[in-house]
Protein backbone atom coordinates (compact mmCIF):
# COMPACT_ATOMS: atom_id res chain seq x y z
CA MET A 1 12.81 8.58 14.16
CA SER A 2 11.88 7.01 10.88
CA LYS A 3 12.59 10.58 9.31
CA THR A 4 16.09 10.45 10.77
CA ARG A 5 16.87 7.06 9.42
CA ASP A 6 15.57 8.43 6.35
CA SER A 7 18.32 11.06 6.13
CA LEU A 8 21.16 9.02 7.53
CA LEU A 9 20.14 6.54 4.47
CA LEU A 10 20.38 9.56 1.68
CA LEU A 11 23.50 11.16 3.49
CA PHE A 12 24.89 7.91 3.25
CA PHE A 13 23.93 7.23 -0.22
CA TYR A 14 25.04 10.94 -1.35
CA PHE A 15 28.69 9.86 0.24
CA SER A 16 29.18 6.54 -1.32
CA CYS A 17 28.26 7.97 -4.62
CA ALA A 18 30.57 10.84 -4.20
CA SER A 19 33.38 8.52 -3.60
CA GLY A 20 32.39 6.11 -6.02
CA GLY A 21 35.32 4.98 -8.77
CA GLN A 22 34.63 4.64 -12.59
CA LEU A 23 35.39 1.48 -14.40
CA LEU A 24 36.07 0.97 -17.98
CA VAL A 25 34.91 -2.61 -18.67
CA TRP A 26 36.06 -4.89 -21.54
CA PRO A 27 33.85 -7.74 -21.47
CA MET A 28 33.44 -11.27 -22.86
CA GLU A 29 30.06 -12.98 -24.14
CA TYR A 30 27.68 -15.45 -22.78
CA SER A 31 28.42 -17.20 -19.27
CA HIS A 32 31.47 -15.16 -18.79
CA TRP A 33 29.40 -11.95 -19.50
CA ILE A 34 26.72 -13.29 -17.01
CA ASN A 35 29.65 -13.25 -14.24
CA LEU A 36 31.26 -9.99 -15.31
CA LYS A 37 27.49 -8.63 -14.85
CA THR A 38 26.84 -9.72 -11.18
CA ILE A 39 29.66 -8.32 -10.57
CA LEU A 40 29.17 -5.14 -12.47
CA ASN A 41 25.48 -4.43 -10.70
CA GLU A 42 27.07 -4.60 -7.08
CA LEU A 43 29.53 -1.83 -8.29
CA ALA A 44 26.50 0.48 -9.70
CA GLN A 45 24.74 -0.39 -6.56
CA ARG A 46 27.95 0.55 -4.39
CA GLY A 47 27.68 4.36 -6.41
CA HIS A 48 30.63 3.61 -8.80
CA GLU A 49 30.23 4.57 -12.46
CA VAL A 50 30.74 1.63 -14.87
CA THR A 51 31.17 1.69 -18.98
CA VAL A 52 31.09 -1.11 -20.88
CA LEU A 53 32.72 -1.42 -24.07
CA ALA A 54 30.02 -3.17 -26.13
CA SER A 55 31.02 -3.95 -30.12
CA SER A 56 27.50 -3.15 -31.93
CA ALA A 57 27.62 -6.74 -32.93
CA SER A 58 27.64 -8.07 -29.28
CA ILE A 59 25.58 -11.02 -28.34
CA LEU A 60 24.16 -10.33 -25.14
CA VAL A 61 25.99 -7.32 -23.80
CA ASP A 62 23.11 -5.57 -24.95
CA PRO A 63 23.56 -1.99 -24.54
CA ASN A 64 19.32 -1.23 -25.28
CA GLU A 65 18.57 -3.43 -21.84
CA PRO A 66 17.56 -1.61 -18.93
CA SER A 67 20.89 -1.39 -16.47
CA ALA A 68 22.57 0.32 -14.39
CA PHE A 69 25.34 1.08 -16.21
CA LYS A 70 26.86 2.98 -19.61
CA PHE A 71 27.68 1.52 -22.67
CA GLU A 72 29.87 2.91 -24.93
CA VAL A 73 29.45 1.51 -28.35
CA TYR A 74 31.76 1.48 -31.22
CA PRO A 75 31.44 0.15 -34.64
CA THR A 76 32.90 -3.27 -36.00
CA SER A 77 32.63 -4.83 -39.17
CA PHE A 78 31.26 -8.27 -38.00
CA THR A 79 27.26 -8.00 -37.57
CA LYS A 80 25.22 -9.55 -34.52
CA LYS A 81 24.20 -12.85 -36.70
CA GLU A 82 28.02 -13.41 -38.08
CA LEU A 83 29.73 -13.05 -34.14
CA ASP A 84 26.84 -15.04 -33.07
CA MET A 85 27.72 -17.65 -36.20
CA HIS A 86 31.44 -17.67 -35.03
CA PHE A 87 31.05 -18.70 -31.62
CA MET A 88 28.27 -21.55 -32.65
CA LYS A 89 30.69 -22.78 -34.94
CA TRP A 90 33.51 -23.66 -32.25
CA VAL A 91 31.23 -24.77 -30.04
CA LYS A 92 30.00 -27.39 -32.35
CA THR A 93 33.37 -28.44 -33.68
CA TRP A 94 34.47 -28.71 -30.30
CA THR A 95 31.99 -30.71 -29.08
CA TYR A 96 30.91 -32.76 -31.93
CA ASP A 97 33.94 -32.76 -35.22
CA LEU A 98 37.22 -32.87 -32.56
CA PRO A 99 38.93 -36.55 -32.40
CA LYS A 100 38.88 -37.20 -28.65
CA SER A 101 41.24 -40.25 -28.87
CA THR A 102 44.26 -38.69 -27.81
CA LEU A 103 45.70 -35.02 -27.37
CA TRP A 104 47.74 -35.28 -30.88
CA ALA A 105 44.85 -36.26 -32.51
CA TYR A 106 42.75 -33.17 -32.24
CA ASP A 107 45.68 -31.04 -32.48
CA SER A 108 45.32 -29.46 -35.90
CA LYS A 109 41.42 -28.60 -35.17
CA MET A 110 42.18 -27.11 -31.65
CA GLN A 111 44.73 -24.88 -33.63
CA LYS A 112 41.99 -23.67 -36.01
CA ILE A 113 39.65 -22.61 -33.56
CA TYR A 114 42.48 -20.98 -31.49
CA HIS A 115 43.19 -19.15 -35.00
CA GLU A 116 40.00 -18.43 -35.46
CA TYR A 117 39.00 -17.35 -31.99
CA SER A 118 42.22 -15.29 -31.51
CA ASP A 119 41.51 -13.68 -35.27
CA THR A 120 37.72 -12.66 -34.28
CA VAL A 121 38.53 -10.95 -30.85
CA GLN A 122 41.94 -8.79 -32.08
CA LYS A 123 39.53 -7.66 -35.01
CA LEU A 124 37.45 -6.47 -31.76
CA CYS A 125 40.25 -5.25 -29.90
CA GLU A 126 41.57 -3.10 -33.51
CA ASP A 127 37.97 -1.60 -33.85
CA VAL A 128 38.51 -0.12 -30.50
CA VAL A 129 41.98 1.20 -30.34
CA LEU A 130 42.33 2.42 -33.63
CA ASN A 131 39.49 4.34 -33.56
CA GLN A 132 40.97 7.57 -32.57
CA LYS A 133 37.85 9.52 -31.69
CA LEU A 134 36.58 6.76 -29.04
CA MET A 135 40.29 6.88 -27.34
CA LYS A 136 40.20 10.39 -27.22
CA LYS A 137 36.85 10.07 -25.38
CA LEU A 138 38.18 7.48 -23.20
CA GLN A 139 41.09 9.14 -22.33
CA ARG A 140 39.54 12.37 -21.21
CA SER A 141 36.87 10.31 -18.86
CA ARG A 142 39.65 9.66 -16.59
CA TYR A 143 38.54 6.04 -15.34
CA ASP A 144 40.02 4.75 -12.40
CA VAL A 145 40.63 1.15 -13.69
CA VAL A 146 40.34 -1.31 -16.55
CA LEU A 147 38.20 -4.65 -15.43
CA GLY A 148 38.49 -7.22 -18.52
CA ASP A 149 38.58 -11.58 -18.46
CA ALA A 150 41.63 -12.67 -19.79
CA ILE A 151 40.60 -15.29 -21.97
CA SER A 152 39.81 -12.52 -24.10
CA PRO A 153 42.41 -9.84 -24.64
CA CYS A 154 42.47 -6.40 -24.98
CA ALA A 155 42.06 -4.99 -21.58
CA GLU A 156 45.53 -4.99 -20.98
CA LEU A 157 46.40 -2.88 -23.88
CA LEU A 158 43.60 -0.36 -22.70
CA SER A 159 45.20 -0.39 -19.57
CA GLU A 160 48.44 0.69 -20.93
CA LEU A 161 47.36 2.89 -23.39
CA LEU A 162 45.18 4.80 -20.55
CA ASN A 163 48.11 4.26 -17.84
CA LEU A 164 44.99 2.47 -15.70
CA PRO A 165 45.29 -0.46 -13.07
CA LEU A 166 44.24 -3.50 -14.72
CA VAL A 167 41.77 -6.17 -12.84
CA TYR A 168 41.10 -9.37 -14.23
CA SER A 169 37.79 -11.40 -13.81
CA LEU A 170 38.13 -14.82 -15.30
CA ARG A 171 37.31 -18.70 -14.78
CA PHE A 172 40.42 -20.06 -16.55
CA THR A 173 42.17 -20.01 -19.43
CA THR A 174 43.38 -22.79 -21.46
CA GLY A 175 45.60 -25.10 -19.67
CA LYS A 176 45.89 -22.12 -17.03
CA THR A 177 48.62 -21.00 -19.59
CA TYR A 178 48.25 -17.13 -18.92
CA GLU A 179 47.61 -17.34 -15.15
CA LYS A 180 50.90 -19.50 -15.56
CA LEU A 181 53.19 -17.91 -18.09
CA CYS A 182 51.97 -14.12 -17.81
CA GLY A 183 50.16 -13.81 -14.45
CA GLY A 184 53.40 -15.99 -12.35
CA LEU A 185 50.60 -18.66 -10.83
CA ILE A 186 53.21 -21.81 -9.87
CA LEU A 187 51.39 -24.98 -10.95
CA PRO A 188 53.83 -27.94 -10.43
CA PRO A 189 52.44 -30.70 -13.28
CA SER A 190 53.47 -33.40 -10.71
CA TYR A 191 50.05 -33.29 -8.46
CA VAL A 192 48.41 -29.91 -10.11
CA PRO A 193 46.26 -31.21 -13.15
CA VAL A 194 46.18 -28.99 -16.40
CA ILE A 195 42.70 -27.89 -17.40
CA ILE A 196 41.16 -30.38 -19.91
CA SER A 197 43.11 -33.13 -18.86
CA GLU A 198 40.41 -34.57 -16.55
CA LEU A 199 43.20 -35.62 -13.82
CA SER A 200 42.60 -35.30 -10.27
CA ASP A 201 45.63 -33.89 -7.88
CA LYS A 202 46.36 -37.63 -7.10
CA MET A 203 47.89 -39.32 -10.11
CA THR A 204 49.37 -42.67 -11.29
CA PHE A 205 52.70 -42.21 -12.78
CA MET A 206 51.55 -42.91 -15.76
CA GLU A 207 48.78 -39.85 -15.30
CA ARG A 208 51.58 -38.05 -14.37
CA VAL A 209 53.24 -38.42 -17.69
CA THR A 210 49.83 -37.50 -19.07
CA ASN A 211 49.83 -34.34 -17.91
CA MET A 212 53.26 -33.54 -18.05
CA LEU A 213 52.37 -33.64 -21.89
CA TYR A 214 49.24 -31.49 -21.55
CA TYR A 215 51.63 -29.18 -19.85
CA LEU A 216 54.14 -28.98 -22.44
CA TYR A 217 51.60 -28.96 -25.06
CA PHE A 218 49.42 -25.75 -23.91
CA ASP A 219 52.88 -24.08 -23.29
CA TYR A 220 53.87 -24.75 -27.06
CA ALA A 221 50.51 -24.04 -28.05
CA PHE A 222 50.31 -20.52 -26.57
CA GLU A 223 53.78 -19.49 -27.75
CA THR A 224 52.85 -20.66 -31.67
CA PHE A 225 49.13 -19.88 -32.13
CA ASN A 226 48.27 -16.72 -30.69
CA LYS A 227 51.18 -15.05 -28.74
CA LYS A 228 53.35 -13.94 -31.97
CA LYS A 229 50.22 -12.24 -33.87
CA TRP A 230 49.10 -10.56 -30.39
CA ASP A 231 52.88 -9.60 -29.81
CA LYS A 232 53.51 -7.72 -33.29
CA PHE A 233 50.12 -6.29 -32.96
CA TYR A 234 50.40 -4.97 -29.31
CA SER A 235 53.99 -3.81 -30.27
CA GLU A 236 52.70 -1.62 -33.53
CA VAL A 237 50.01 -0.40 -31.63
CA LEU A 238 52.09 0.98 -28.59
CA GLY A 239 54.90 1.96 -30.75
CA ARG A 240 57.92 0.25 -29.13
CA PRO A 241 58.40 -3.49 -28.62
CA THR A 242 56.18 -5.55 -26.01
CA THR A 243 54.42 -9.17 -25.65
CA LEU A 244 51.03 -10.05 -24.77
CA CYS A 245 52.10 -11.57 -21.93
CA GLU A 246 53.87 -8.59 -20.52
CA LEU A 247 51.32 -6.66 -20.20
CA MET A 248 49.34 -9.47 -18.74
CA GLY A 249 52.05 -9.54 -16.18
CA LYS A 250 51.71 -5.57 -15.69
CA ALA A 251 47.54 -6.95 -14.14
CA ASP A 252 47.25 -5.94 -10.43
CA ILE A 253 44.33 -8.43 -9.29
CA TRP A 254 43.20 -11.92 -10.63
CA LEU A 255 39.78 -12.54 -9.75
CA ILE A 256 39.64 -16.17 -10.17
CA ARG A 257 36.04 -17.55 -10.58
CA ASN A 258 36.83 -20.69 -8.41
CA TYR A 259 37.30 -21.53 -4.83
CA TRP A 260 38.82 -24.83 -2.73
CA ASP A 261 35.38 -26.60 -2.58
CA PHE A 262 35.85 -27.25 -6.31
CA GLU A 263 39.66 -26.56 -7.25
CA PHE A 264 42.48 -29.42 -5.62
CA PRO A 265 45.06 -27.60 -3.53
CA HIS A 266 48.02 -25.81 -5.40
CA PRO A 267 50.18 -23.12 -4.93
CA PHE A 268 48.81 -19.21 -5.14
CA LEU A 269 49.87 -15.73 -5.29
CA PRO A 270 48.84 -12.55 -3.07
CA ASN A 271 47.23 -11.09 -6.01
CA PHE A 272 45.25 -13.88 -7.11
CA GLU A 273 42.03 -14.08 -5.36
CA PHE A 274 39.23 -17.06 -5.62
CA VAL A 275 35.96 -15.69 -5.89
CA GLY A 276 34.29 -18.79 -7.57
CA GLY A 277 30.16 -19.03 -6.68
CA LEU A 278 29.83 -15.29 -6.92
CA HIS A 279 26.71 -15.33 -8.57
CA CYS A 280 25.07 -17.94 -6.30
CA LYS A 281 22.50 -16.54 -3.84
CA PRO A 282 19.27 -17.96 -1.96
CA ALA A 283 16.47 -19.45 -4.22
CA LYS A 284 13.69 -17.39 -4.87
CA PRO A 285 10.01 -18.58 -5.05
CA LEU A 286 9.02 -20.30 -8.18
CA PRO A 287 6.71 -19.14 -10.73
CA LYS A 288 3.27 -20.66 -10.16
CA ASP A 289 2.89 -22.95 -12.57
CA ILE A 290 6.35 -24.29 -12.50
CA GLU A 291 5.97 -24.07 -8.31
CA GLU A 292 2.71 -26.45 -9.31
CA PHE A 293 4.38 -28.81 -11.20
CA VAL A 294 7.20 -29.15 -8.78
CA GLN A 295 4.89 -30.00 -5.72
CA SER A 296 2.94 -32.17 -8.16
CA SER A 297 6.32 -34.52 -7.48
CA GLY A 298 5.31 -35.58 -4.11
CA GLU A 299 7.90 -37.45 -2.49
CA ASP A 300 9.85 -38.56 -5.09
CA GLY A 301 10.62 -34.55 -6.19
CA ILE A 302 12.27 -33.40 -9.16
CA VAL A 303 15.22 -33.44 -11.43
CA VAL A 304 16.49 -30.17 -13.19
CA PHE A 305 17.84 -30.35 -16.75
CA SER A 306 19.72 -27.72 -18.77
CA LEU A 307 22.62 -27.63 -21.24
CA GLY A 308 23.36 -24.24 -20.53
CA SER A 309 22.66 -21.07 -22.53
CA MET A 310 25.19 -22.08 -25.84
CA VAL A 311 23.80 -25.13 -26.49
CA GLN A 312 20.15 -24.41 -28.37
CA ASN A 313 18.80 -27.89 -29.09
CA LEU A 314 19.60 -31.34 -29.70
CA THR A 315 19.50 -34.14 -32.72
CA GLU A 316 15.90 -35.50 -32.81
CA GLU A 317 17.89 -39.08 -32.26
CA ARG A 318 19.81 -37.92 -29.09
CA SER A 319 16.31 -35.75 -27.28
CA ASN A 320 14.48 -38.83 -27.98
CA THR A 321 17.03 -41.19 -26.14
CA ILE A 322 17.02 -38.50 -23.35
CA ALA A 323 13.89 -38.35 -23.28
CA SER A 324 12.99 -42.03 -23.10
CA ALA A 325 15.32 -42.36 -20.31
CA LEU A 326 13.30 -39.28 -18.37
CA ALA A 327 10.10 -41.01 -18.74
CA GLN A 328 11.14 -44.30 -16.40
CA ILE A 329 12.33 -42.25 -13.54
CA PRO A 330 9.37 -41.71 -10.76
CA GLN A 331 10.68 -37.97 -10.32
CA LYS A 332 9.09 -35.49 -12.41
CA VAL A 333 12.18 -33.39 -14.50
CA ILE A 334 11.90 -29.89 -15.93
CA TRP A 335 13.97 -29.73 -18.68
CA ARG A 336 15.16 -26.45 -20.34
CA PHE A 337 14.78 -27.10 -24.01
CA ASN A 338 14.74 -25.32 -27.56
CA GLY A 339 13.95 -27.22 -30.15
CA LYS A 340 11.34 -29.85 -31.76
CA LYS A 341 9.01 -31.78 -28.82
CA PRO A 342 10.73 -35.24 -28.59
CA GLU A 343 8.33 -37.99 -29.34
CA LYS A 344 8.93 -39.96 -26.22
CA LEU A 345 8.65 -37.53 -24.11
CA GLY A 346 6.90 -38.63 -20.70
CA SER A 347 4.17 -37.00 -19.08
CA ASN A 348 6.35 -36.63 -15.75
CA THR A 349 8.98 -34.22 -17.93
CA GLN A 350 8.19 -30.38 -18.55
CA LEU A 351 9.88 -28.36 -21.38
CA LEU A 352 10.60 -25.09 -21.01
CA LYS A 353 12.86 -22.67 -23.48
CA TRP A 354 14.23 -20.73 -20.03
CA ILE A 355 14.21 -21.78 -16.60
CA PRO A 356 14.99 -20.02 -13.11
CA GLN A 357 17.93 -22.67 -12.72
CA ASN A 358 19.45 -21.08 -9.28
CA ASP A 359 15.93 -21.08 -7.41
CA LEU A 360 14.97 -24.73 -9.27
CA LEU A 361 18.29 -26.13 -7.41
CA GLY A 362 17.39 -24.48 -4.31
CA HIS A 363 14.00 -25.78 -4.02
CA PRO A 364 13.51 -28.69 -0.99
CA LYS A 365 12.44 -30.93 -3.70
CA THR A 366 15.08 -31.12 -6.13
CA LYS A 367 17.10 -34.32 -6.21
CA ALA A 368 19.60 -34.05 -8.74
CA PHE A 369 20.82 -31.85 -11.70
CA ILE A 370 21.53 -33.09 -15.54
CA THR A 371 23.94 -30.26 -16.73
CA HIS A 372 26.60 -29.84 -19.45
CA GLY A 373 29.16 -29.02 -16.60
CA GLY A 374 29.27 -25.30 -16.96
CA GLY A 375 31.24 -23.46 -14.45
CA ASN A 376 27.82 -21.60 -13.50
CA GLY A 377 25.66 -24.39 -13.31
CA ILE A 378 28.58 -26.39 -10.83
CA TYR A 379 28.44 -23.71 -8.47
CA GLU A 380 24.84 -23.27 -8.14
CA ALA A 381 24.40 -27.31 -7.42
CA ILE A 382 27.66 -26.74 -5.20
CA TYR A 383 25.74 -23.74 -3.26
CA HIS A 384 22.63 -25.83 -3.20
CA GLY A 385 24.14 -29.11 -2.31
CA ILE A 386 22.47 -31.45 -5.37
CA PRO A 387 24.21 -34.05 -6.87
CA MET A 388 24.84 -34.29 -10.38
CA VAL A 389 24.46 -36.26 -13.55
CA GLY A 390 27.56 -34.88 -16.17
CA LEU A 391 27.06 -34.94 -19.88
CA PRO A 392 30.07 -32.62 -20.70
CA MET A 393 30.92 -31.25 -24.33
CA PHE A 394 33.43 -28.83 -24.72
CA VAL A 395 36.30 -26.61 -23.34
CA ASP A 396 36.41 -26.99 -19.44
CA GLN A 397 32.97 -28.94 -18.94
CA PRO A 398 34.72 -32.48 -18.93
CA ASP A 399 36.84 -31.37 -16.28
CA ASN A 400 34.44 -29.69 -14.08
CA ILE A 401 32.73 -32.85 -14.13
CA ALA A 402 35.77 -34.97 -13.67
CA HIS A 403 36.11 -32.63 -10.42
CA MET A 404 32.91 -33.26 -9.23
CA MET A 405 33.61 -36.92 -9.69
CA ALA A 406 36.44 -36.59 -7.56
CA LYS A 407 35.05 -35.44 -4.71
CA GLY A 408 32.24 -37.86 -5.58
CA ALA A 409 29.41 -35.46 -6.29
CA ALA A 410 28.94 -36.62 -9.65
CA VAL A 411 28.59 -39.79 -12.24
CA ARG A 412 29.52 -38.61 -15.89
CA LEU A 413 27.78 -39.81 -18.82
CA ASP A 414 28.75 -39.15 -22.74
CA LEU A 415 26.78 -37.08 -24.96
CA ASN A 416 27.77 -39.07 -28.00
CA THR A 417 27.32 -42.44 -27.08
CA LEU A 418 24.89 -42.26 -24.88
CA SER A 419 22.10 -44.68 -24.23
CA SER A 420 19.10 -44.41 -22.45
CA THR A 421 19.75 -47.14 -19.92
CA ASP A 422 23.11 -45.25 -19.41
CA LEU A 423 21.04 -42.19 -18.04
CA PHE A 424 18.41 -43.99 -16.33
CA ASN A 425 21.21 -45.53 -14.39
CA ALA A 426 22.96 -42.76 -13.66
CA LEU A 427 20.08 -40.99 -12.48
CA ARG A 428 18.94 -43.96 -10.13
CA THR A 429 22.41 -44.03 -8.68
CA VAL A 430 23.14 -39.95 -7.85
CA ILE A 431 19.59 -40.09 -6.39
CA ASN A 432 19.15 -43.17 -4.52
CA ASP A 433 23.50 -43.44 -3.13
CA PRO A 434 23.05 -41.17 -0.01
CA SER A 435 26.95 -40.74 -0.53
CA TYR A 436 26.27 -38.61 -3.94
CA LYS A 437 23.86 -36.23 -1.61
CA GLU A 438 26.24 -36.19 1.47
CA ASN A 439 29.33 -35.26 -0.90
CA ALA A 440 27.22 -32.49 -2.53
CA MET A 441 26.49 -31.07 1.00
CA ARG A 442 30.13 -31.37 2.08
CA LEU A 443 31.05 -29.20 -0.65
CA SER A 444 28.20 -26.92 0.10
CA ARG A 445 29.21 -26.32 3.34
CA ILE A 446 32.47 -25.65 2.43
CA HIS A 447 31.50 -23.08 0.19
CA HIS A 448 29.31 -21.94 2.67
CA ASP A 449 32.14 -21.34 5.71
CA GLN A 450 33.87 -18.19 4.04
CA PRO A 451 34.55 -15.16 6.04
CA VAL A 452 33.77 -12.94 3.00
CA LYS A 453 31.18 -13.86 0.24
CA PRO A 454 32.78 -14.18 -3.03
CA LEU A 455 31.26 -11.41 -4.33
CA ASP A 456 31.81 -9.20 -1.66
CA ARG A 457 35.44 -10.45 -2.11
CA ALA A 458 35.74 -9.42 -5.77
CA VAL A 459 34.08 -5.89 -5.36
CA PHE A 460 36.69 -5.28 -2.34
CA TRP A 461 39.66 -6.11 -4.32
CA ILE A 462 38.23 -3.88 -7.54
CA GLU A 463 37.51 -1.27 -4.69
CA PHE A 464 41.27 -1.80 -3.46
CA VAL A 465 42.78 -1.11 -6.36
CA MET A 466 41.17 1.92 -7.18
CA ARG A 467 41.70 3.27 -4.14
CA HIS A 468 45.44 2.59 -4.27
CA LYS A 469 45.80 3.15 -7.51
CA GLY A 470 46.83 -0.21 -8.42
CA ALA A 471 48.43 -3.32 -6.17
CA LYS A 472 51.57 -3.71 -7.38
CA HIS A 473 53.00 -4.41 -3.82
CA LEU A 474 51.17 -7.57 -4.26
CA ARG A 475 53.08 -8.88 -7.61
CA ALA A 476 55.79 -11.19 -7.63
CA ALA A 477 59.39 -9.79 -8.52
CA ALA A 478 59.12 -13.02 -10.54
CA HIS A 479 57.73 -10.55 -13.32
CA ASP A 480 60.97 -8.79 -13.36
CA LEU A 481 63.05 -11.62 -13.70
CA THR A 482 64.15 -13.56 -17.14
CA TRP A 483 63.29 -16.92 -18.04
CA TYR A 484 67.03 -17.70 -16.63
CA GLN A 485 66.83 -15.75 -13.78
CA TYR A 486 63.62 -16.94 -12.49
CA HIS A 487 64.97 -20.56 -12.60
CA SER A 488 68.33 -19.63 -11.04
CA LEU A 489 70.05 -21.14 -13.80
CA ASP A 490 72.47 -18.34 -13.54
CA VAL A 491 73.42 -19.07 -10.00
CA ILE A 492 73.78 -22.59 -10.39
CA GLY A 493 75.68 -22.20 -13.13
CA PHE A 494 78.06 -19.63 -11.50
CA LEU A 495 78.18 -22.18 -8.08
CA LEU A 496 78.73 -25.23 -10.74
CA ALA A 497 81.45 -23.07 -12.33
CA CYS A 498 82.84 -22.47 -9.00
CA VAL A 499 82.89 -25.82 -7.86
CA ALA A 500 84.66 -26.59 -11.10
CA SER A 501 87.09 -24.11 -10.77
CA ALA A 502 87.91 -25.21 -6.77
CA ILE A 503 88.21 -28.95 -8.71
CA TYR A 504 90.75 -27.81 -11.38
CA VAL A 505 92.72 -25.48 -9.01
CA THR A 506 92.83 -28.05 -5.90
CA THR A 507 93.63 -30.96 -8.67
CA ARG A 508 96.27 -28.60 -9.94
CA CYS A 509 97.82 -27.98 -6.86
CA CYS A 510 97.58 -31.70 -5.97
CA LEU A 511 99.40 -32.74 -9.37
CA PHE A 512 102.00 -30.04 -8.55
CA CYS A 513 102.60 -31.19 -5.14
CA CYS A 514 103.39 -34.54 -6.37
CA TRP A 515 105.29 -33.15 -9.16
CA LYS A 516 107.18 -31.81 -6.96
CA LEU A 517 107.77 -34.46 -4.18
CA ALA A 518 108.60 -36.71 -7.16
CA LYS A 519 111.18 -34.33 -7.98
CA THR A 520 112.69 -34.03 -5.06
CA GLY A 521 112.64 -37.73 -4.44
CA LYS A 522 114.90 -38.62 -7.53
CA LYS A 523 117.61 -35.72 -6.45
CA GLY A 524 117.42 -37.77 -3.16
CA LYS A 525 118.00 -40.92 -4.47
CA ARG A 526 120.73 -39.48 -7.24
CA GLU A 527 122.71 -38.04 -4.11
C-alpha cells in the first residue's frame, strides 16, 4: 500500500512538473521582494519554472542563495552599495526631511524623490531591454507570462517586447495612480480616501475637500513627474509612439496585496484580485532561547517591537526615549534593533538583530505589537489578532496605521516628537483596554473567513493566465475609450446639441407662427 501511494505521488509530481509553465519575473527590492518570493516559491513547488531577472547590484534578490528558481543576472553600472545607498537616502528623506505641515509644503522634495527613484529604475530597465544578447536569450526561452511589481516599471515593456501576458503583484502605487489611470480602477474621491491622506471612508466636508486635493495632486504628479520620460523611453525602445499607461493597461491580472479586513469598501474590476496577507502563516515554535525569555514573562506576556527591514537603527536620543518607556511596563519586550545599546534599556527588554516576527505575533503570550506600519507586519498582526502601537515613518505607513485606527485596532504616535510617557500610555491603552484586542480579533476572523487562501488565489490567477494565454476577457472596455468617451462627454455633447436644436427649431417655429398670426390679423383688420 505504501509503495502504491509513493508511486502515485511520484506520478502526480511528474505530471505536475511536465505541465508546468515558465515565468519571467521583474522583481522589486526589500519587502516587495519578500512578498513576491512567497508567490514564486509556491509556483516552483507546483512544478513551474521561475526565472528572476536580477541586476548585478541587487540587494535582497540574491542569486547566490539556495533557491527553487533560476536567476538571470544582467550587468548594471550601479554597485550593490550604490543602489542600497539610493534606497536608504530616499527612506531618510521621506522619514526625517519632508515637511509634513501641508501637501504643498513637501511637494518639491516629493518631486525630487520621485525623479531619483524613477531614474534609477529606468536605468535598470535600460540595462535589460537594451542588452541585445540577453533579450535574444529571453525570446528563445519561450516564457508563458511576465510577473512584475507595478511600483517598479519595466515588466510591461518586457511583456510587450516578448509578446507575453502580464500579471502585476503590488500593494499599491502612490495615490493608487497607476491602478486608477492605467488599470481603470474606479476610486471616487467622495468616499475612497487617497493613499497617504490618512483619512477613512467616512469623511467630513473639509476632509472630502482635502481628499479631492490629494486626488488631483497625484494625478498631476503622475502626468508631470514620471510619465513623460517613461513614455519617451518606451516609444524609443518599441519604435512607435506609446505610453507607460498604455502598456500598464494591458496587464491581464492585478494581484493587490490587500483585503477587506484592511481596506475600505470601494468599486472593483474583474481583473483585480485581493491577495492581502498571502505571506502569513501559522506560528512555528520559537528558538529555545527566545521561548525561554517569552515564558519568563508570566501572565503579563510580551510586547513585540520592530521597525522593519529598511530602518537599521535610531538616533541614541530616540532609542533611549523608547527604552525608558519599555522599561516601565510589566511585560517583557523583544525589540528588533541593530545599533548601539540604549543606556536606559530595562532588564525586561531583549535586543535582537533579527526576530521571528510572525512566530512571535502568533505566540499566545503576545499582548501588543509596536510597528512602523509596514504592510507585511500589519497583515501578520491582523492574521494573529494582535493590537498595535504605530510609529509610522514614510510612504504608506502613516496611512496603514490610520486604517487600523479607524478599525479600532491601533494607537498612533509620532516618532519624531515621541516621549517616554506617550509610548508608555499608548502601550497601556492597547493592552489594558479590551476593545483593541476585540477589534484586532474581529479583523483576524474576517481575514481567515475566506473561501480560498490568499496565496492559493494569487497562484490560481497566475496559472489561469498561463493556461489561457492571457485574460483579456476580464479587462474592462474602458481601456479602449478616449478620456472624453470614458466620461461620455461626446454623448452628453450630442444630447445637449439635440436638445439645443429642438429648442431652436421649436422657438423658430413658434416665432414663425406668431409672425404669421400677427400678419394675418393685420390683414383682416384692413379688410
